[in-house]
C-alpha cells in the first residue's frame, strides 16, 4: 500500500498511463454490460478513505482520480444509466468534486468516520445517499431496540422531500450478527 500511495509522487506519468488503460477497459465493459444485459446502473467499489480521512490529499484526488471518474460517470450517463460509488472511510473532502462530475449515488457515509448530520445538511440535496447501517458494532453487539433506534435516526437525518436517500448495510454481513438484530433491521426498514 505504501508503494501505491508514493507512486503518485514518484511515478505520476506511469500512474496516469495505468489509470488511463484501466479506464478504457472499464468504459468498454460498461458498453458491453449495457448491450448484453440492458443494465440500469453501475455500482463500483473503490475504498479511498480511512477511519479518519482520505488515503491521499484533495490535490492527488483531483489529478489522479477525478478525471477518470468523470469519464466513467459521463459514459454511464451517455448509456442512460446511473453511476454509484461505494467507498469506506471518510471521503468528505472529495464529495463536492464527486457531485460536480455527476456521481449519482454515494455509499455508505460510514458510521463513526464522518458526521452524518453535517453530510446530510451539506450534500443531501445534491446527491443520493445510500446510507450505510452500522455493521461493525450494532448488528453484532447492539440490541434490537438499538437497531430500530438507529434506523429511525438515519431516516430522520437523511430523508429529503425530493428523495435522494436509500438505506442499506454499510458493508457486507458477517457471521457474528445476532438474528434478532437482523429481524429488527428488516422490520424497522419497512415503509
C-alpha atoms as a PDB file:
ATOM      1  CA  UNK A   1       0.000   0.000   0.000  1.00  0.00           C
ATOM      2  CA  UNK A   2       2.869   2.339   0.812  1.00  0.00           C
ATOM      3  CA  UNK A   3       4.300   1.838  -2.682  1.00  0.00           C
ATOM      4  CA  UNK A   4       0.935   2.512  -4.308  1.00  0.00           C
ATOM      5  CA  UNK A   5       0.490   5.739  -2.375  1.00  0.00           C
ATOM      6  CA  UNK A   6       4.014   7.032  -3.057  1.00  0.00           C
ATOM      7  CA  UNK A   7       3.727   6.248  -6.779  1.00  0.00           C
ATOM      8  CA  UNK A   8       1.517   9.333  -7.231  1.00  0.00           C
ATOM      9  CA  UNK A   9       4.538  11.469  -6.340  1.00  0.00           C
ATOM     10  CA  UNK A  10       7.392   9.334  -7.628  1.00  0.00           C
ATOM     11  CA  UNK A  11       5.909   7.989 -10.886  1.00  0.00           C
ATOM     12  CA  UNK A  12       2.985  10.228 -11.900  1.00  0.00           C
ATOM     13  CA  UNK A  13       3.262   9.515 -15.642  1.00  0.00           C
ATOM     14  CA  UNK A  14       3.164   5.772 -15.057  1.00  0.00           C
ATOM     15  CA  UNK A  15       0.152   6.102 -12.748  1.00  0.00           C
ATOM     16  CA  UNK A  16      -1.702   8.140 -15.359  1.00  0.00           C
ATOM     17  CA  UNK A  17      -0.821   5.574 -18.032  1.00  0.00           C
ATOM     18  CA  UNK A  18      -2.144   2.759 -15.821  1.00  0.00           C
ATOM     19  CA  UNK A  19      -5.327   4.628 -14.857  1.00  0.00           C
ATOM     20  CA  UNK A  20      -5.944   5.593 -18.480  1.00  0.00           C
ATOM     21  CA  UNK A  21      -5.702   1.975 -19.647  1.00  0.00           C
ATOM     22  CA  UNK A  22      -7.885   0.734 -16.795  1.00  0.00           C
ATOM     23  CA  UNK A  23     -10.459   3.408 -17.587  1.00  0.00           C
ATOM     24  CA  UNK A  24     -10.513   2.394 -21.264  1.00  0.00           C
ATOM     25  CA  UNK A  25     -11.161  -1.195 -20.186  1.00  0.00           C
ATOM     26  CA  UNK A  26     -13.941  -0.110 -17.784  1.00  0.00           C
ATOM     27  CA  UNK A  27     -15.578   2.090 -20.428  1.00  0.00           C
ATOM     28  CA  UNK A  28     -15.766  -0.803 -22.865  1.00  0.00           C
ATOM     29  CA  UNK A  29     -17.002  -3.115 -20.101  1.00  0.00           C
ATOM     30  CA  UNK A  30     -19.786  -0.649 -19.351  1.00  0.00           C
ATOM     31  CA  UNK A  31     -20.791  -0.554 -23.027  1.00  0.00           C
ATOM     32  CA  UNK A  32     -20.864  -4.337 -23.205  1.00  0.00           C
ATOM     33  CA  UNK A  33     -22.886  -4.648 -19.986  1.00  0.00           C
ATOM     34  CA  UNK A  34     -25.457  -2.212 -21.336  1.00  0.00           C
ATOM     35  CA  UNK A  35     -25.615  -4.001 -24.708  1.00  0.00           C
ATOM     36  CA  UNK A  36     -25.851  -7.518 -23.258  1.00  0.00           C
ATOM     37  CA  UNK A  37     -27.961  -7.039 -20.119  1.00  0.00           C
ATOM     38  CA  UNK A  38     -29.519  -3.557 -20.503  1.00  0.00           C
ATOM     39  CA  UNK A  39     -28.346  -2.598 -17.004  1.00  0.00           C
ATOM     40  CA  UNK A  40     -29.807   0.400 -15.174  1.00  0.00           C
ATOM     41  CA  UNK A  41     -26.627   1.434 -13.413  1.00  0.00           C
ATOM     42  CA  UNK A  42     -23.092   0.670 -12.347  1.00  0.00           C
ATOM     43  CA  UNK A  43     -22.171   0.209  -8.672  1.00  0.00           C
ATOM     44  CA  UNK A  44     -18.408   0.287  -8.179  1.00  0.00           C
ATOM     45  CA  UNK A  45     -16.287  -0.062  -5.070  1.00  0.00           C
ATOM     46  CA  UNK A  46     -13.127   1.939  -4.561  1.00  0.00           C
ATOM     47  CA  UNK A  47     -12.261   2.321  -0.878  1.00  0.00           C
ATOM     48  CA  UNK A  48     -10.368   5.624  -0.825  1.00  0.00           C
ATOM     49  CA  UNK A  49     -10.894   6.582   2.810  1.00  0.00           C
ATOM     50  CA  UNK A  50      -9.625   5.560   6.213  1.00  0.00           C
ATOM     51  CA  UNK A  51     -11.452   5.818   9.538  1.00  0.00           C
ATOM     52  CA  UNK A  52     -10.195   9.413   9.967  1.00  0.00           C
ATOM     53  CA  UNK A  53      -9.753  10.802   6.452  1.00  0.00           C
ATOM     54  CA  UNK A  54      -8.897  10.018   2.839  1.00  0.00           C
ATOM     55  CA  UNK A  55      -5.879   7.942   1.884  1.00  0.00           C
ATOM     56  CA  UNK A  56      -4.489  10.931  -0.030  1.00  0.00           C
ATOM     57  CA  UNK A  57      -4.888  14.674  -0.452  1.00  0.00           C
ATOM     58  CA  UNK A  58      -7.538  16.508  -2.426  1.00  0.00           C
ATOM     59  CA  UNK A  59      -4.801  17.526  -4.880  1.00  0.00           C
ATOM     60  CA  UNK A  60      -3.898  13.880  -5.525  1.00  0.00           C
ATOM     61  CA  UNK A  61      -7.600  13.031  -5.906  1.00  0.00           C
ATOM     62  CA  UNK A  62      -8.122  15.846  -8.426  1.00  0.00           C
ATOM     63  CA  UNK A  63      -5.102  14.909 -10.518  1.00  0.00           C
ATOM     64  CA  UNK A  64      -5.231  11.114 -10.458  1.00  0.00           C
ATOM     65  CA  UNK A  65      -8.815  10.080  -9.708  1.00  0.00           C
ATOM     66  CA  UNK A  66     -11.314  12.772 -10.654  1.00  0.00           C
ATOM     67  CA  UNK A  67     -10.570  12.814 -14.416  1.00  0.00           C
ATOM     68  CA  UNK A  68     -11.025   9.056 -14.685  1.00  0.00           C
ATOM     69  CA  UNK A  69     -14.143   9.006 -12.524  1.00  0.00           C
ATOM     70  CA  UNK A  70     -15.505  11.802 -14.725  1.00  0.00           C
ATOM     71  CA  UNK A  71     -15.051   9.631 -17.830  1.00  0.00           C
ATOM     72  CA  UNK A  72     -16.799   6.690 -16.194  1.00  0.00           C
ATOM     73  CA  UNK A  73     -19.697   8.801 -14.923  1.00  0.00           C
ATOM     74  CA  UNK A  74     -20.121  10.525 -18.285  1.00  0.00           C
ATOM     75  CA  UNK A  75     -20.146   7.124 -20.013  1.00  0.00           C
ATOM     76  CA  UNK A  76     -22.761   5.813 -17.591  1.00  0.00           C
ATOM     77  CA  UNK A  77     -24.969   8.820 -18.255  1.00  0.00           C
ATOM     78  CA  UNK A  78     -24.437   8.569 -22.025  1.00  0.00           C
ATOM     79  CA  UNK A  79     -25.637   4.962 -21.763  1.00  0.00           C
ATOM     80  CA  UNK A  80     -28.744   6.131 -19.884  1.00  0.00           C
ATOM     81  CA  UNK A  81     -27.639   4.608 -16.583  1.00  0.00           C
ATOM     82  CA  UNK A  82     -26.655   5.736 -13.097  1.00  0.00           C
ATOM     83  CA  UNK A  83     -23.210   5.580 -11.526  1.00  0.00           C
ATOM     84  CA  UNK A  84     -22.971   4.553  -7.851  1.00  0.00           C
ATOM     85  CA  UNK A  85     -19.802   4.561  -5.746  1.00  0.00           C
ATOM     86  CA  UNK A  86     -19.024   2.642  -2.576  1.00  0.00           C
ATOM     87  CA  UNK A  87     -16.124   3.920  -0.532  1.00  0.00           C
ATOM     88  CA  UNK A  88     -15.466   3.034   3.069  1.00  0.00           C
ATOM     89  CA  UNK A  89     -13.935   5.636   5.330  1.00  0.00           C
ATOM     90  CA  UNK A  90     -14.005   9.392   5.488  1.00  0.00           C
ATOM     91  CA  UNK A  91     -14.092  10.804   1.965  1.00  0.00           C
ATOM     92  CA  UNK A  92     -15.855  14.060   2.801  1.00  0.00           C
ATOM     93  CA  UNK A  93     -13.148  16.238   1.166  1.00  0.00           C
ATOM     94  CA  UNK A  94     -13.982  14.569  -2.174  1.00  0.00           C
ATOM     95  CA  UNK A  95     -17.792  14.784  -2.051  1.00  0.00           C
ATOM     96  CA  UNK A  96     -18.116  18.225  -3.649  1.00  0.00           C
ATOM     97  CA  UNK A  97     -15.918  17.065  -6.545  1.00  0.00           C
ATOM     98  CA  UNK A  98     -17.934  13.868  -6.964  1.00  0.00           C
ATOM     99  CA  UNK A  99     -21.132  15.907  -7.084  1.00  0.00           C
ATOM    100  CA  UNK A 100     -19.565  18.279  -9.619  1.00  0.00           C
ATOM    101  CA  UNK A 101     -18.763  15.412 -12.012  1.00  0.00           C
ATOM    102  CA  UNK A 102     -22.235  13.914 -11.694  1.00  0.00           C
ATOM    103  CA  UNK A 103     -21.940  10.972  -9.284  1.00  0.00           C
ATOM    104  CA  UNK A 104     -25.497   9.744  -8.764  1.00  0.00           C
ATOM    105  CA  UNK A 105     -25.247   7.738  -5.527  1.00  0.00           C
ATOM    106  CA  UNK A 106     -22.663   7.592  -2.720  1.00  0.00           C
ATOM    107  CA  UNK A 107     -22.461   4.680  -0.273  1.00  0.00           C
ATOM    108  CA  UNK A 108     -22.238   4.400   2.736  1.00  0.00           C
ATOM    109  CA  UNK A 109     -21.368   7.565   4.757  1.00  0.00           C
ATOM    110  CA  UNK A 110     -19.643   5.120   7.070  1.00  0.00           C
ATOM    111  CA  UNK A 111     -20.608   5.318  10.729  1.00  0.00           C
ATOM    112  CA  UNK A 112     -18.037   6.981  13.000  1.00  0.00           C
ATOM    113  CA  UNK A 113     -15.911   8.248  10.102  1.00  0.00           C
ATOM    114  CA  UNK A 114     -17.966  11.279   9.032  1.00  0.00           C
ATOM    115  CA  UNK A 115     -20.526  13.483  10.738  1.00  0.00           C
ATOM    116  CA  UNK A 116     -23.728  12.107   9.217  1.00  0.00           C
ATOM    117  CA  UNK A 117     -25.829  15.158  10.094  1.00  0.00           C
ATOM    118  CA  UNK A 118     -23.266  17.514   8.555  1.00  0.00           C
ATOM    119  CA  UNK A 119     -23.030  15.375   5.407  1.00  0.00           C
ATOM    120  CA  UNK A 120     -26.832  15.330   5.094  1.00  0.00           C
ATOM    121  CA  UNK A 121     -27.046  19.085   5.615  1.00  0.00           C
ATOM    122  CA  UNK A 122     -24.296  19.931   3.109  1.00  0.00           C
ATOM    123  CA  UNK A 123     -24.887  17.310   0.425  1.00  0.00           C
ATOM    124  CA  UNK A 124     -28.282  15.669   0.991  1.00  0.00           C
ATOM    125  CA  UNK A 125     -29.996  17.764  -1.658  1.00  0.00           C
ATOM    126  CA  UNK A 126     -27.197  17.313  -4.207  1.00  0.00           C
ATOM    127  CA  UNK A 127     -26.608  13.562  -4.323  1.00  0.00           C
ATOM    128  CA  UNK A 128     -28.478  10.395  -3.444  1.00  0.00           C
ATOM    129  CA  UNK A 129     -27.117   8.913  -0.244  1.00  0.00           C
ATOM    130  CA  UNK A 130     -27.225   5.153   0.116  1.00  0.00           C
ATOM    131  CA  UNK A 131     -26.845   5.358   3.864  1.00  0.00           C
ATOM    132  CA  UNK A 132     -24.937   2.512   5.394  1.00  0.00           C
ATOM    133  CA  UNK A 133     -26.325   0.953   8.540  1.00  0.00           C
ATOM    134  CA  UNK A 134     -23.618   0.264  11.132  1.00  0.00           C
ATOM    135  CA  UNK A 135     -22.374  -3.285  10.597  1.00  0.00           C
ATOM    136  CA  UNK A 136     -19.247  -3.058  12.742  1.00  0.00           C
ATOM    137  CA  UNK A 137     -20.976  -2.693  16.106  1.00  0.00           C
ATOM    138  CA  UNK A 138     -24.768  -2.623  16.186  1.00  0.00           C
ATOM    139  CA  UNK A 139     -25.571  -5.828  14.342  1.00  0.00           C
ATOM    140  CA  UNK A 140     -23.156  -7.900  16.424  1.00  0.00           C
ATOM    141  CA  UNK A 141     -23.236  -6.201  19.802  1.00  0.00           C
ATOM    142  CA  UNK A 142     -26.305  -3.960  19.919  1.00  0.00           C
ATOM    143  CA  UNK A 143     -29.848  -4.806  20.936  1.00  0.00           C
ATOM    144  CA  UNK A 144     -32.909  -4.984  18.671  1.00  0.00           C
ATOM    145  CA  UNK A 145     -34.141  -1.723  20.215  1.00  0.00           C
ATOM    146  CA  UNK A 146     -30.819  -0.025  19.397  1.00  0.00           C
ATOM    147  CA  UNK A 147     -31.075  -1.301  15.823  1.00  0.00           C
ATOM    148  CA  UNK A 148     -34.582   0.163  15.468  1.00  0.00           C
ATOM    149  CA  UNK A 149     -33.450   3.458  17.005  1.00  0.00           C
ATOM    150  CA  UNK A 150     -30.556   3.658  14.525  1.00  0.00           C
ATOM    151  CA  UNK A 151     -32.855   3.079  11.546  1.00  0.00           C
ATOM    152  CA  UNK A 152     -35.147   5.864  12.809  1.00  0.00           C
ATOM    153  CA  UNK A 153     -32.123   8.149  13.312  1.00  0.00           C
ATOM    154  CA  UNK A 154     -30.796   7.535   9.795  1.00  0.00           C
ATOM    155  CA  UNK A 155     -34.231   8.204   8.323  1.00  0.00           C
ATOM    156  CA  UNK A 156     -34.500  11.435  10.298  1.00  0.00           C
ATOM    157  CA  UNK A 157     -31.046  12.592   9.181  1.00  0.00           C
ATOM    158  CA  UNK A 158     -31.070  11.650   5.509  1.00  0.00           C
ATOM    159  CA  UNK A 159     -34.688  11.710   4.289  1.00  0.00           C
ATOM    160  CA  UNK A 160     -35.459  14.576   1.887  1.00  0.00           C
ATOM    161  CA  UNK A 161     -38.785  15.542   0.328  1.00  0.00           C
ATOM    162  CA  UNK A 162     -37.323  15.005  -3.138  1.00  0.00           C
ATOM    163  CA  UNK A 163     -35.943  11.593  -2.195  1.00  0.00           C
ATOM    164  CA  UNK A 164     -32.193  11.097  -2.550  1.00  0.00           C
ATOM    165  CA  UNK A 165     -31.978   8.628   0.337  1.00  0.00           C
ATOM    166  CA  UNK A 166     -31.801   4.853   0.474  1.00  0.00           C
ATOM    167  CA  UNK A 167     -30.953   2.649   3.428  1.00  0.00           C
ATOM    168  CA  UNK A 168     -28.729  -0.388   3.258  1.00  0.00           C
ATOM    169  CA  UNK A 169     -25.926  -2.014   5.210  1.00  0.00           C
ATOM    170  CA  UNK A 170     -22.635  -0.173   5.488  1.00  0.00           C
ATOM    171  CA  UNK A 171     -20.862  -3.216   4.157  1.00  0.00           C
ATOM    172  CA  UNK A 172     -21.367  -6.965   3.947  1.00  0.00           C
ATOM    173  CA  UNK A 173     -22.916  -9.106   6.637  1.00  0.00           C
ATOM    174  CA  UNK A 174     -20.834 -11.248   8.948  1.00  0.00           C
ATOM    175  CA  UNK A 175     -21.496 -14.419  10.936  1.00  0.00           C
ATOM    176  CA  UNK A 176     -21.358 -12.626  14.306  1.00  0.00           C
ATOM    177  CA  UNK A 177     -24.637 -10.770  13.728  1.00  0.00           C
ATOM    178  CA  UNK A 178     -27.488 -11.566  16.068  1.00  0.00           C
ATOM    179  CA  UNK A 179     -30.547 -12.991  14.308  1.00  0.00           C
ATOM    180  CA  UNK A 180     -32.867 -10.807  16.379  1.00  0.00           C
ATOM    181  CA  UNK A 181     -30.950  -7.708  15.225  1.00  0.00           C
ATOM    182  CA  UNK A 182     -31.314  -8.728  11.600  1.00  0.00           C
ATOM    183  CA  UNK A 183     -35.060  -9.167  12.135  1.00  0.00           C
ATOM    184  CA  UNK A 184     -35.223  -5.751  13.845  1.00  0.00           C
ATOM    185  CA  UNK A 185     -33.352  -4.140  10.948  1.00  0.00           C
ATOM    186  CA  UNK A 186     -35.770  -5.650   8.460  1.00  0.00           C
ATOM    187  CA  UNK A 187     -38.863  -4.619  10.405  1.00  0.00           C
ATOM    188  CA  UNK A 188     -37.639  -1.068  11.088  1.00  0.00           C
ATOM    189  CA  UNK A 189     -36.692  -0.584   7.434  1.00  0.00           C
ATOM    190  CA  UNK A 190     -40.143  -1.298   6.051  1.00  0.00           C
ATOM    191  CA  UNK A 191     -42.059   1.768   4.796  1.00  0.00           C
END
